[in-house]
Amino acid sequence: MSELITWVRRHSRTVWPHVVLTELLPRSENSRDLESVMALRHAGMRIVLVSSLHQRGAARRLVDAGFDGVVSKLDTEETLLSTIAAVVDGEHPVTELARQAVDRAPSVPKLSAQEEKVFVLYVAGHSISAVADAIGVQAGTARKYLNRVKQKYKKHGIDVSTKVDLAKVAWDEGLLD
């Protein structure tokens, strides 16, 4: 990526590629690579993400990062080419397989922002007191959020009776590294 940035700095926009294809792994959303790709996009390049997108939460953050187009590695060559053509035409397509990878499964409950924060901090190993401090609430309030998370998953038929069960769900949803 750094080589491309160096090349871009040395050349006029008239010789820049029409579209850049990049591969980022879903867990790299905070990496220097993503920052570099977004810098190229802000400089005026059109960027198409090609990724496995297998961890839903991380994949969702990548898709939301602002690429011009998103293609799953499971898509066909024809789909890739049509996505590139659409991006050249000024569209911002996300292929069906990429959309399926990031859409919340129907069996997964929707959590509020606070519930998700408590959930992630708790399964990452923090005590309820530490979670409460981190989000600026009382321990009893953090515990209520966590209980709501457990109730929502239970209502969807997902066993989260232990911290290990919660961690597995968080991992599957891409909420944990």
Foldseek 3Di string as FASTA:
>chain_A
DVVVVVVPVVDDPVPDDQEAEDEDELVCCVPPVVVVVVVVVVVPHAYEYEYQLQQQQSLLSVLVSDHQEYHYPPDDPVVVVVRSVVSSVVHRYYDPVSCVSHDDDPLADDADPLLLQLLLCVLVPDDLCVSCVVVVHHSVVSVVSPVVNCVRNVVSVQDDPDSVSSNVVCVSNVNYD
